[in-house]
Amino acid sequence: MSIYEFEVNKINGETISLEEYKGKVMIIVNTASKCGFSPQYDDLQSLYVQYKEDGVVVLGFPCNQFLNQEPGDDLEIDSYCKLNHGVTFPMFAKVNVKGKEAHPLFSYLTENAPGVMGSKSIKWNFTKFLIDRNGNIVSRFAPKTKPLEMEEDIKKLI
């Protein structure tokens, strides 16, 4: 199975294949607007702006599985991200990232990139996965890891 085989729904409802991002460095992150880590949107946007010409893309997947910190619908989430954090990177429809109802993409990511002490489940918002240009999962970063702390790892893949 390849990461490029997954289909996802953009925040506007359009279904796309991750094959659209083939050849790019991807940062895939589960997000939540009302989370204490939501200021990370700013750093994710900064990384996107700084490195998009080098083939880096941030893919944001809102999730409401952690203390209901993403209660809005897709339109509200999109508006919040743009107005409060200037987000221009691709945002996707709200998904589940753990449990039986987890989106297949996140099941794949967690199966192939376990977290601390081998844990496969995503424990909180803003878990970040770094994917190389060939679709390989390079790293998994904890929610508390600030996106700018990932910069050296990103540069190695450019």
C-alpha atoms as a PDB file:
ATOM      1  CA  MET A   1       0.000   0.000   0.000  1.00  0.00           C
ATOM      2  CA  SER A   2       1.233   3.488  -0.865  1.00  0.00           C
ATOM      3  CA  ILE A   3       0.215   6.786   0.686  1.00  0.00           C
ATOM      4  CA  TYR A   4      -0.648   7.928  -2.844  1.00  0.00           C
ATOM      5  CA  GLU A   5      -3.505   5.412  -3.029  1.00  0.00           C
ATOM      6  CA  PHE A   6      -5.612   7.239  -0.422  1.00  0.00           C
ATOM      7  CA  GLU A   7      -8.486   9.498  -1.361  1.00  0.00           C
ATOM      8  CA  VAL A   8      -9.385  12.401   0.897  1.00  0.00           C
ATOM      9  CA  ASN A   9     -12.064  15.083   0.892  1.00  0.00           C
ATOM     10  CA  LYS A  10     -10.897  18.660   0.716  1.00  0.00           C
ATOM     11  CA  ILE A  11     -12.612  21.076   3.080  1.00  0.00           C
ATOM     12  CA  ASN A  12     -14.773  22.260   0.156  1.00  0.00           C
ATOM     13  CA  GLY A  13     -16.061  18.692  -0.341  1.00  0.00           C
ATOM     14  CA  GLU A  14     -13.995  17.846  -3.428  1.00  0.00           C
ATOM     15  CA  THR A  15     -12.508  14.328  -3.333  1.00  0.00           C
ATOM     16  CA  ILE A  16      -8.881  14.047  -4.406  1.00  0.00           C
ATOM     17  CA  SER A  17      -6.183  11.391  -4.411  1.00  0.00           C
ATOM     18  CA  LEU A  18      -3.010  12.018  -2.444  1.00  0.00           C
ATOM     19  CA  GLU A  19      -1.303  11.186  -5.730  1.00  0.00           C
ATOM     20  CA  GLU A  20      -1.775  14.913  -6.422  1.00  0.00           C
ATOM     21  CA  TYR A  21       1.100  15.445  -3.986  1.00  0.00           C
ATOM     22  CA  LYS A  22       3.417  12.831  -5.489  1.00  0.00           C
ATOM     23  CA  GLY A  23       6.960  14.185  -5.610  1.00  0.00           C
ATOM     24  CA  LYS A  24       6.298  16.656  -2.782  1.00  0.00           C
ATOM     25  CA  VAL A  25       7.396  16.624   0.840  1.00  0.00           C
ATOM     26  CA  MET A  26       4.197  16.393   2.896  1.00  0.00           C
ATOM     27  CA  ILE A  27       3.482  17.387   6.467  1.00  0.00           C
ATOM     28  CA  ILE A  28       0.225  15.676   7.437  1.00  0.00           C
ATOM     29  CA  VAL A  29      -1.306  16.960  10.674  1.00  0.00           C
ATOM     30  CA  ASN A  30      -4.544  16.455  12.585  1.00  0.00           C
ATOM     31  CA  THR A  31      -5.792  19.838  13.751  1.00  0.00           C
ATOM     32  CA  ALA A  32      -8.355  21.412  16.084  1.00  0.00           C
ATOM     33  CA  SER A  33      -9.331  25.070  16.294  1.00  0.00           C
ATOM     34  CA  LYS A  34     -10.117  25.144  20.020  1.00  0.00           C
ATOM     35  CA  CYS A  35      -7.005  23.243  21.108  1.00  0.00           C
ATOM     36  CA  GLY A  36      -4.236  24.834  23.164  1.00  0.00           C
ATOM     37  CA  PHE A  37      -1.890  23.835  20.342  1.00  0.00           C
ATOM     38  CA  SER A  38      -3.881  25.759  17.696  1.00  0.00           C
ATOM     39  CA  PRO A  39      -1.184  28.493  17.544  1.00  0.00           C
ATOM     40  CA  GLN A  40       0.774  25.816  15.650  1.00  0.00           C
ATOM     41  CA  TYR A  41      -1.347  26.771  12.637  1.00  0.00           C
ATOM     42  CA  ASP A  42       0.831  29.910  12.434  1.00  0.00           C
ATOM     43  CA  ASP A  43       4.086  27.918  12.331  1.00  0.00           C
ATOM     44  CA  LEU A  44       2.655  25.394   9.873  1.00  0.00           C
ATOM     45  CA  GLN A  45       1.622  28.280   7.618  1.00  0.00           C
ATOM     46  CA  SER A  46       5.091  29.805   7.979  1.00  0.00           C
ATOM     47  CA  LEU A  47       6.759  26.536   6.932  1.00  0.00           C
ATOM     48  CA  TYR A  48       4.360  26.216   4.013  1.00  0.00           C
ATOM     49  CA  VAL A  49       5.054  29.728   2.737  1.00  0.00           C
ATOM     50  CA  GLN A  50       8.802  29.386   3.212  1.00  0.00           C
ATOM     51  CA  TYR A  51       9.180  26.004   1.521  1.00  0.00           C
ATOM     52  CA  LYS A  52       6.267  25.548  -0.897  1.00  0.00           C
ATOM     53  CA  GLU A  53       8.459  26.614  -3.843  1.00  0.00           C
ATOM     54  CA  ASP A  54      10.816  23.799  -2.782  1.00  0.00           C
ATOM     55  CA  GLY A  55       7.983  21.273  -3.017  1.00  0.00           C
ATOM     56  CA  VAL A  56       6.745  21.193   0.599  1.00  0.00           C
ATOM     57  CA  VAL A  57       3.031  21.035   1.326  1.00  0.00           C
ATOM     58  CA  VAL A  58       1.152  21.004   4.634  1.00  0.00           C
ATOM     59  CA  LEU A  59      -2.080  18.972   4.726  1.00  0.00           C
ATOM     60  CA  GLY A  60      -4.403  19.826   7.615  1.00  0.00           C
ATOM     61  CA  PHE A  61      -7.047  17.356   8.768  1.00  0.00           C
ATOM     62  CA  PRO A  62      -9.453  18.727  11.399  1.00  0.00           C
ATOM     63  CA  CYS A  63     -10.537  16.219  14.037  1.00  0.00           C
ATOM     64  CA  ASN A  64     -13.050  16.459  16.889  1.00  0.00           C
ATOM     65  CA  GLN A  65     -12.004  13.316  18.783  1.00  0.00           C
ATOM     66  CA  PHE A  66     -10.057  15.045  21.549  1.00  0.00           C
ATOM     67  CA  LEU A  67     -12.293  16.830  24.075  1.00  0.00           C
ATOM     68  CA  ASN A  68     -14.531  18.117  21.249  1.00  0.00           C
ATOM     69  CA  GLN A  69     -11.978  20.782  20.348  1.00  0.00           C
ATOM     70  CA  GLU A  70     -13.123  20.952  16.723  1.00  0.00           C
ATOM     71  CA  PRO A  71     -16.923  21.220  17.009  1.00  0.00           C
ATOM     72  CA  GLY A  72     -17.544  23.312  13.892  1.00  0.00           C
ATOM     73  CA  ASP A  73     -18.525  22.184  10.428  1.00  0.00           C
ATOM     74  CA  ASP A  74     -16.064  22.338   7.533  1.00  0.00           C
ATOM     75  CA  LEU A  75     -17.105  25.869   6.508  1.00  0.00           C
ATOM     76  CA  GLU A  76     -16.608  27.186  10.066  1.00  0.00           C
ATOM     77  CA  ILE A  77     -13.239  25.440  10.356  1.00  0.00           C
ATOM     78  CA  ASP A  78     -12.054  26.822   7.023  1.00  0.00           C
ATOM     79  CA  SER A  79     -13.142  30.323   7.997  1.00  0.00           C
ATOM     80  CA  TYR A  80     -11.444  30.098  11.414  1.00  0.00           C
ATOM     81  CA  CYS A  81      -8.166  28.914   9.900  1.00  0.00           C
ATOM     82  CA  LYS A  82      -8.086  31.652   7.278  1.00  0.00           C
ATOM     83  CA  LEU A  83      -9.217  34.524   9.526  1.00  0.00           C
ATOM     84  CA  ASN A  84      -7.226  33.680  12.660  1.00  0.00           C
ATOM     85  CA  HIS A  85      -4.096  32.077  11.239  1.00  0.00           C
ATOM     86  CA  GLY A  86      -3.947  33.094   7.568  1.00  0.00           C
ATOM     87  CA  VAL A  87      -3.934  29.457   6.491  1.00  0.00           C
ATOM     88  CA  THR A  88      -3.431  28.972   2.762  1.00  0.00           C
ATOM     89  CA  PHE A  89      -2.177  25.371   2.865  1.00  0.00           C
ATOM     90  CA  PRO A  90      -4.687  22.647   1.915  1.00  0.00           C
ATOM     91  CA  MET A  91      -7.276  21.855   4.574  1.00  0.00           C
ATOM     92  CA  PHE A  92      -9.468  18.784   4.444  1.00  0.00           C
ATOM     93  CA  ALA A  93     -12.858  17.705   5.706  1.00  0.00           C
ATOM     94  CA  LYS A  94     -13.108  16.735   9.349  1.00  0.00           C
ATOM     95  CA  VAL A  95     -11.994  13.136   9.985  1.00  0.00           C
ATOM     96  CA  ASN A  96     -11.508  10.660  12.794  1.00  0.00           C
ATOM     97  CA  VAL A  97      -7.861   9.787  13.376  1.00  0.00           C
ATOM     98  CA  LYS A  98      -8.231   6.920  15.854  1.00  0.00           C
ATOM     99  CA  GLY A  99     -10.548   4.033  16.622  1.00  0.00           C
ATOM    100  CA  LYS A 100     -12.775   1.935  14.377  1.00  0.00           C
ATOM    101  CA  GLU A 101     -13.991   5.012  12.495  1.00  0.00           C
ATOM    102  CA  ALA A 102     -10.485   6.341  11.773  1.00  0.00           C
ATOM    103  CA  HIS A 103      -9.921   7.562   8.234  1.00  0.00           C
ATOM    104  CA  PRO A 104      -7.887   4.918   6.353  1.00  0.00           C
ATOM    105  CA  LEU A 105      -5.076   7.454   5.816  1.00  0.00           C
ATOM    106  CA  PHE A 106      -4.590   7.853   9.551  1.00  0.00           C
ATOM    107  CA  SER A 107      -4.834   4.109  10.145  1.00  0.00           C
ATOM    108  CA  TYR A 108      -2.025   3.714   7.604  1.00  0.00           C
ATOM    109  CA  LEU A 109       0.087   6.501   9.133  1.00  0.00           C
ATOM    110  CA  THR A 110      -0.220   5.242  12.700  1.00  0.00           C
ATOM    111  CA  GLU A 111       0.390   1.623  11.694  1.00  0.00           C
ATOM    112  CA  ASN A 112       3.565   2.548   9.835  1.00  0.00           C
ATOM    113  CA  ALA A 113       4.862   5.275  12.164  1.00  0.00           C
ATOM    114  CA  PRO A 114       4.214   4.369  15.809  1.00  0.00           C
ATOM    115  CA  GLY A 115       4.532   7.052  18.439  1.00  0.00           C
ATOM    116  CA  VAL A 116       6.346   7.059  21.762  1.00  0.00           C
ATOM    117  CA  MET A 117       7.009   3.577  23.170  1.00  0.00           C
ATOM    118  CA  GLY A 118       5.437   1.959  20.107  1.00  0.00           C
ATOM    119  CA  SER A 119       1.985   3.435  20.613  1.00  0.00           C
ATOM    120  CA  LYS A 120       0.066   3.405  17.356  1.00  0.00           C
ATOM    121  CA  SER A 121      -2.891   5.513  18.395  1.00  0.00           C
ATOM    122  CA  ILE A 122      -2.856   9.272  17.961  1.00  0.00           C
ATOM    123  CA  LYS A 123      -3.108  10.711  21.460  1.00  0.00           C
ATOM    124  CA  TRP A 124      -3.937  14.353  20.738  1.00  0.00           C
ATOM    125  CA  ASN A 125      -4.395  17.145  18.206  1.00  0.00           C
ATOM    126  CA  PHE A 126      -1.455  18.340  16.128  1.00  0.00           C
ATOM    127  CA  THR A 127       0.329  15.023  15.720  1.00  0.00           C
ATOM    128  CA  LYS A 128       2.487  15.583  12.662  1.00  0.00           C
ATOM    129  CA  PHE A 129       3.758  13.102  10.042  1.00  0.00           C
ATOM    130  CA  LEU A 130       6.618  14.014   7.695  1.00  0.00           C
ATOM    131  CA  ILE A 131       6.483  12.241   4.325  1.00  0.00           C
ATOM    132  CA  ASP A 132       9.334  12.290   1.777  1.00  0.00           C
ATOM    133  CA  ARG A 133       9.019  12.886  -1.980  1.00  0.00           C
ATOM    134  CA  ASN A 134       8.612   9.139  -2.579  1.00  0.00           C
ATOM    135  CA  GLY A 135       5.688   8.780  -0.175  1.00  0.00           C
ATOM    136  CA  ASN A 136       7.697   7.248   2.669  1.00  0.00           C
ATOM    137  CA  ILE A 137       6.874   8.207   6.243  1.00  0.00           C
ATOM    138  CA  VAL A 138      10.096   9.712   7.580  1.00  0.00           C
ATOM    139  CA  SER A 139       9.057  10.913  11.044  1.00  0.00           C
ATOM    140  CA  ARG A 140       6.170  11.274  13.444  1.00  0.00           C
ATOM    141  CA  PHE A 141       6.168  14.314  15.714  1.00  0.00           C
ATOM    142  CA  ALA A 142       4.257  14.654  18.969  1.00  0.00           C
ATOM    143  CA  PRO A 143       1.631  17.378  19.449  1.00  0.00           C
ATOM    144  CA  LYS A 144       3.947  19.327  21.760  1.00  0.00           C
ATOM    145  CA  THR A 145       6.674  19.450  19.071  1.00  0.00           C
ATOM    146  CA  LYS A 146       6.436  22.878  17.513  1.00  0.00           C
ATOM    147  CA  PRO A 147       6.366  22.813  13.710  1.00  0.00           C
ATOM    148  CA  LEU A 148       9.464  25.020  13.453  1.00  0.00           C
ATOM    149  CA  GLU A 149      11.359  22.321  15.376  1.00  0.00           C
ATOM    150  CA  MET A 150      10.775  20.111  12.333  1.00  0.00           C
ATOM    151  CA  GLU A 151      12.561  22.508   9.983  1.00  0.00           C
ATOM    152  CA  GLU A 152      15.930  20.719   9.877  1.00  0.00           C
ATOM    153  CA  ASP A 153      14.184  17.425   9.066  1.00  0.00           C
ATOM    154  CA  ILE A 154      12.230  19.161   6.297  1.00  0.00           C
ATOM    155  CA  LYS A 155      15.364  20.723   4.805  1.00  0.00           C
ATOM    156  CA  LYS A 156      16.985  17.274   4.535  1.00  0.00           C
ATOM    157  CA  LEU A 157      14.107  16.167   2.283  1.00  0.00           C
ATOM    158  CA  ILE A 158      14.050  19.176  -0.043  1.00  0.00           C
END
